[in-house]
Amino acid sequence: MGDSRYEELPLGEIADFRNGKGLSPDKYTAVGKYPVFGSNGQIARTDELLNEDSVVVIGRVGAYCGSVHPVFEPSWVTDNAIVARPKAGEDVRYLYYRLASLDLRSTATGSAQPLVTQSGLGVLRAPHAPPDDQRAIAHILGTLDDKIELNRRMNETLEAMARALFKSWFVDFDPVRAKAQGQTPPAWTPPPPPSSPKSSRIPSWARFRRGGVWCPSWSLQTCYPAELRKRQSLTIGTAASSGHLPKMSRSADRSSS
């Protein structure tokens, strides 16, 4: 985020730094109202409140000293971290991205147990954007971060579905059991011939790569384990002869194909 157009100022003129506060482990809960942050990010939840406003958490000691974590909600920060609050007129999200762009660990003292201090952070100089630019920068970077986080969560969901499907097919042998009981899973229904108008609804990724048998998409609601049935917004398609785990797409992809 360096820019020669902006004046360089000490971080102490942009933000206030103070150490977090110790919290007894018996105050940690799994479903507390507020997140608890330490040197390496969120470590627990609690019903105790220390910071009512948004802050930036900086790892203070040990292997994670100099790490930067945004906390845009009421929280508790332990004494293993430093709390950074923007001064009046400064944007807290911009402050986070500015701090994240700097090598804060370079200010640490000690080798066996490195320690970042408030005074060391305060004298570190960095380009300082005016308020309007701060908000614009924070908005653009924040939008990109939100998209990245959404994609990460979607990937986790798809990976969990793939693992569950693999277990269903190749560990529990659900299709084999269904066939043995005289049931015909929808996935085994003969597909329409290529000349049929319905075949145009089969996505291009549902074709067998070497010109094999068509296999249309089918609904998780009618085919797969109970833990997946709630994901009705997703459908799965594959080629009957491919021998690979299915690819996944949203229902809209199927209807628009």
Protein backbone atom coordinates (compact mmCIF):
# COMPACT_ATOMS: atom_id res chain seq x y z
CA MET A 1 0.00 0.00 0.00
CA GLY A 2 3.01 2.30 -0.33
CA ASP A 3 2.42 5.49 -2.33
CA SER A 4 4.85 8.37 -2.79
CA ARG A 5 1.88 10.76 -3.08
CA TYR A 6 1.13 10.32 0.61
CA GLU A 7 3.06 11.87 3.47
CA GLU A 8 4.80 9.41 5.77
CA LEU A 9 3.81 9.66 9.42
CA PRO A 10 4.71 7.68 12.55
CA LEU A 11 2.03 5.11 13.37
CA GLY A 12 1.69 6.79 16.76
CA GLU A 13 0.07 9.77 14.99
CA ILE A 14 -2.43 7.51 13.23
CA ALA A 15 -3.45 5.10 15.97
CA ASP A 16 -3.39 4.55 19.72
CA PHE A 17 -1.70 1.36 20.93
CA ARG A 18 -2.21 -0.43 24.24
CA ASN A 19 -1.73 -3.96 25.52
CA GLY A 20 -4.65 -6.33 25.85
CA LYS A 21 -5.80 -7.64 29.20
CA GLY A 22 -5.47 -11.11 30.70
CA LEU A 23 -8.59 -13.26 30.97
CA SER A 24 -8.91 -16.34 33.13
CA PRO A 25 -9.54 -19.52 31.07
CA ASP A 26 -12.59 -20.27 33.19
CA LYS A 27 -14.19 -17.24 31.53
CA TYR A 28 -13.87 -18.91 28.10
CA THR A 29 -17.05 -20.42 26.67
CA ALA A 30 -17.91 -22.12 23.39
CA VAL A 31 -20.93 -19.89 22.76
CA GLY A 32 -19.98 -16.63 24.48
CA LYS A 33 -21.22 -13.30 23.19
CA TYR A 34 -17.80 -11.96 22.27
CA PRO A 35 -14.71 -13.35 20.52
CA VAL A 36 -11.45 -13.61 22.46
CA PHE A 37 -8.32 -12.69 20.49
CA GLY A 38 -4.74 -13.51 21.33
CA SER A 39 -1.42 -13.26 19.52
CA ASN A 40 -2.46 -15.78 16.84
CA GLY A 41 -6.03 -14.61 16.25
CA GLN A 42 -9.31 -15.73 17.79
CA ILE A 43 -8.77 -18.36 20.49
CA ALA A 44 -12.17 -18.59 22.23
CA ARG A 45 -15.38 -16.78 23.10
CA THR A 46 -16.50 -15.19 26.33
CA ASP A 47 -19.33 -13.23 27.92
CA GLU A 48 -16.81 -10.67 29.21
CA LEU A 49 -16.41 -7.45 27.23
CA LEU A 50 -13.22 -5.38 26.90
CA ASN A 51 -13.49 -3.49 23.59
CA GLU A 52 -16.87 -2.12 22.54
CA ASP A 53 -15.64 -0.71 19.25
CA SER A 54 -13.84 -2.15 16.24
CA VAL A 55 -10.10 -2.57 16.78
CA VAL A 56 -7.03 -4.07 15.13
CA VAL A 57 -5.21 -6.77 17.08
CA ILE A 58 -1.43 -7.15 16.75
CA GLY A 59 0.44 -10.20 18.04
CA ARG A 60 2.70 -9.00 20.85
CA VAL A 61 4.89 -11.91 21.88
CA GLY A 62 6.28 -15.20 20.59
CA ALA A 63 6.07 -16.81 17.17
CA TYR A 64 3.04 -14.74 16.14
CA CYS A 65 4.34 -11.34 17.19
CA GLY A 66 3.63 -8.77 14.50
CA SER A 67 0.63 -10.68 13.10
CA VAL A 68 -2.39 -8.48 12.37
CA HIS A 69 -6.07 -9.39 12.87
CA PRO A 70 -9.15 -7.20 12.23
CA VAL A 71 -11.89 -7.29 14.86
CA PHE A 72 -14.95 -5.40 13.63
CA GLU A 73 -17.18 -6.31 16.57
CA PRO A 74 -17.14 -6.01 20.38
CA SER A 75 -14.42 -8.27 21.75
CA TRP A 76 -11.84 -9.20 24.37
CA VAL A 77 -8.12 -9.07 23.56
CA THR A 78 -5.67 -10.90 25.84
CA ASP A 79 -2.35 -9.56 27.10
CA ASN A 80 -0.51 -11.59 24.45
CA ALA A 81 -1.59 -8.96 21.91
CA ILE A 82 -1.66 -5.21 21.37
CA VAL A 83 -4.87 -3.33 20.59
CA ALA A 84 -4.68 -0.62 17.90
CA ARG A 85 -7.43 2.00 17.75
CA PRO A 86 -7.59 4.62 14.99
CA LYS A 87 -7.34 8.21 16.10
CA ALA A 88 -10.25 10.57 15.39
CA GLY A 89 -10.94 10.87 11.67
CA GLU A 90 -9.05 7.69 10.78
CA ASP A 91 -10.79 4.66 9.24
CA VAL A 92 -10.38 1.44 11.24
CA ARG A 93 -10.53 -0.80 8.17
CA TYR A 94 -7.87 1.29 6.45
CA LEU A 95 -5.78 1.07 9.61
CA TYR A 96 -5.98 -2.72 9.44
CA TYR A 97 -4.83 -2.84 5.80
CA ARG A 98 -2.07 -0.30 6.50
CA LEU A 99 -0.74 -2.32 9.45
CA ALA A 100 -1.05 -5.58 7.52
CA SER A 101 1.11 -4.10 4.74
CA LEU A 102 3.98 -3.37 7.13
CA ASP A 103 6.63 -5.66 8.60
CA LEU A 104 5.64 -5.11 12.22
CA ARG A 105 7.79 -8.03 13.39
CA SER A 106 10.85 -6.00 12.40
CA THR A 107 10.19 -3.78 15.44
CA ALA A 108 10.41 -6.74 17.86
CA THR A 109 13.10 -6.96 20.51
CA GLY A 110 14.67 -10.18 21.78
CA SER A 111 15.52 -13.32 19.85
CA ALA A 112 14.50 -16.31 21.98
CA GLN A 113 11.15 -14.68 22.78
CA PRO A 114 10.55 -11.77 20.35
CA LEU A 115 8.40 -8.98 21.72
CA VAL A 116 6.60 -6.19 19.87
CA THR A 117 6.07 -3.09 21.99
CA GLN A 118 3.74 -0.11 21.82
CA SER A 119 6.66 2.31 21.59
CA GLY A 120 8.28 0.30 18.79
CA LEU A 121 5.07 0.41 16.77
CA GLY A 122 4.50 4.08 17.48
CA VAL A 123 7.73 5.25 15.81
CA LEU A 124 7.35 3.07 12.70
CA ARG A 125 6.63 5.34 9.73
CA ALA A 126 4.12 4.62 6.96
CA PRO A 127 2.38 6.54 4.13
CA HIS A 128 -0.81 8.16 5.38
CA ALA A 129 -3.78 8.65 3.04
CA PRO A 130 -6.38 11.40 3.57
CA PRO A 131 -9.81 10.31 4.93
CA ASP A 132 -11.59 10.10 1.56
CA ASP A 133 -8.82 7.91 0.12
CA GLN A 134 -8.80 5.79 3.25
CA ARG A 135 -12.47 4.97 2.85
CA ALA A 136 -12.08 4.20 -0.86
CA ILE A 137 -9.08 1.92 -0.27
CA ALA A 138 -10.78 0.15 2.62
CA HIS A 139 -13.95 -0.39 0.58
CA ILE A 140 -12.13 -1.92 -2.39
CA LEU A 141 -9.87 -4.18 -0.33
CA GLY A 142 -12.75 -5.12 1.99
CA THR A 143 -14.92 -6.15 -0.97
CA LEU A 144 -12.13 -8.37 -2.29
CA ASP A 145 -11.62 -9.94 1.14
CA ASP A 146 -15.35 -10.64 1.45
CA LYS A 147 -15.32 -12.40 -1.92
CA ILE A 148 -12.28 -14.46 -0.97
CA GLU A 149 -13.93 -15.51 2.30
CA LEU A 150 -17.15 -16.45 0.49
CA ASN A 151 -15.19 -18.60 -1.98
CA ARG A 152 -13.31 -20.26 0.88
CA ARG A 153 -16.56 -21.19 2.62
CA MET A 154 -18.06 -22.50 -0.62
CA ASN A 155 -14.97 -24.64 -1.18
CA GLU A 156 -15.27 -26.06 2.33
CA THR A 157 -18.92 -26.93 1.67
CA LEU A 158 -18.14 -28.61 -1.66
CA GLU A 159 -15.24 -30.56 -0.17
CA ALA A 160 -17.48 -31.80 2.65
CA MET A 161 -20.09 -32.89 0.10
CA ALA A 162 -17.47 -34.70 -2.00
CA ARG A 163 -16.21 -36.56 1.09
CA ALA A 164 -19.75 -37.53 2.07
CA LEU A 165 -20.52 -38.74 -1.47
CA PHE A 166 -17.29 -40.75 -1.62
CA LYS A 167 -18.15 -42.39 1.70
CA SER A 168 -21.69 -43.11 0.49
CA TRP A 169 -20.54 -44.69 -2.77
CA PHE A 170 -17.27 -46.41 -1.93
CA VAL A 171 -17.36 -47.06 1.83
CA ASP A 172 -21.02 -47.59 2.69
CA PHE A 173 -21.90 -48.75 -0.86
CA ASP A 174 -25.31 -47.07 -0.72
CA PRO A 175 -26.03 -47.51 -4.48
CA VAL A 176 -25.19 -51.23 -4.24
CA ARG A 177 -27.42 -51.66 -1.22
CA ALA A 178 -30.24 -49.78 -2.97
CA LYS A 179 -29.95 -52.02 -6.04
CA ALA A 180 -29.88 -55.15 -3.85
CA GLN A 181 -33.13 -53.99 -2.26
CA GLY A 182 -34.74 -53.55 -5.66
CA GLN A 183 -34.52 -49.77 -5.65
CA THR A 184 -33.32 -47.78 -8.62
CA PRO A 185 -31.53 -44.56 -7.65
CA PRO A 186 -32.41 -41.72 -10.02
CA ALA A 187 -28.73 -41.52 -11.02
CA TRP A 188 -29.08 -44.88 -12.80
CA THR A 189 -32.07 -43.85 -14.92
CA PRO A 190 -31.19 -44.20 -18.63
CA PRO A 191 -30.62 -40.72 -20.04
CA PRO A 192 -32.49 -39.38 -23.06
CA PRO A 193 -30.84 -39.93 -26.45
CA PRO A 194 -28.72 -37.03 -27.69
CA SER A 195 -31.38 -36.12 -30.23
CA SER A 196 -33.97 -35.52 -27.50
CA PRO A 197 -34.69 -31.86 -26.66
CA LYS A 198 -34.21 -32.76 -22.98
CA SER A 199 -30.59 -33.64 -23.58
CA SER A 200 -29.84 -29.95 -24.11
CA ARG A 201 -30.41 -29.50 -20.38
CA ILE A 202 -27.43 -31.70 -19.53
CA PRO A 203 -24.43 -29.47 -18.68
CA SER A 204 -21.35 -29.83 -20.86
CA TRP A 205 -19.36 -31.08 -17.87
CA ALA A 206 -21.77 -34.04 -17.55
CA ARG A 207 -20.39 -35.68 -20.72
CA PHE A 208 -17.99 -38.59 -20.52
CA ARG A 209 -14.71 -37.27 -21.83
CA ARG A 210 -14.22 -40.09 -24.36
CA GLY A 211 -17.75 -39.98 -25.72
CA GLY A 212 -19.23 -42.32 -23.13
CA VAL A 213 -22.73 -42.58 -21.72
CA TRP A 214 -24.74 -39.52 -20.78
CA CYS A 215 -25.67 -39.14 -17.13
CA PRO A 216 -27.90 -36.17 -16.21
CA SER A 217 -27.79 -34.22 -12.97
CA TRP A 218 -29.96 -35.40 -10.11
CA SER A 219 -31.21 -33.96 -6.85
CA LEU A 220 -29.48 -34.58 -3.54
CA GLN A 221 -32.92 -34.62 -1.93
CA THR A 222 -33.79 -37.94 -3.57
CA CYS A 223 -30.38 -39.60 -3.77
CA TYR A 224 -28.00 -38.95 -0.97
CA PRO A 225 -27.50 -39.09 2.80
CA ALA A 226 -29.63 -37.13 5.19
CA GLU A 227 -26.81 -34.77 6.14
CA LEU A 228 -26.72 -33.53 2.53
CA ARG A 229 -30.42 -33.22 1.90
CA LYS A 230 -30.60 -29.72 3.31
CA ARG A 231 -28.32 -28.56 0.50
CA GLN A 232 -31.15 -28.61 -2.04
CA SER A 233 -29.75 -25.56 -3.83
CA LEU A 234 -26.96 -27.70 -5.24
CA THR A 235 -27.10 -30.45 -7.83
CA ILE A 236 -24.54 -32.99 -8.86
CA GLY A 237 -23.74 -34.31 -12.30
CA THR A 238 -21.20 -36.74 -13.67
CA ALA A 239 -20.64 -39.21 -16.48
CA ALA A 240 -21.68 -42.76 -15.75
CA SER A 241 -18.40 -44.12 -17.07
CA SER A 242 -15.96 -41.51 -15.76
CA GLY A 243 -14.87 -43.18 -12.52
CA HIS A 244 -14.25 -39.78 -10.93
CA LEU A 245 -15.99 -37.94 -8.13
CA PRO A 246 -18.77 -35.72 -9.51
CA LYS A 247 -18.36 -32.10 -10.36
CA MET A 248 -20.77 -29.69 -8.75
CA SER A 249 -22.74 -26.68 -9.90
CA ARG A 250 -25.61 -24.52 -8.77
CA SER A 251 -29.12 -25.39 -9.90
CA ALA A 252 -29.12 -22.30 -12.09
CA ASP A 253 -26.29 -23.79 -14.14
CA ARG A 254 -28.41 -26.84 -14.91
CA SER A 255 -31.46 -24.89 -15.97
CA SER A 256 -29.47 -22.49 -18.12
CA SER A 257 -27.37 -25.15 -19.86
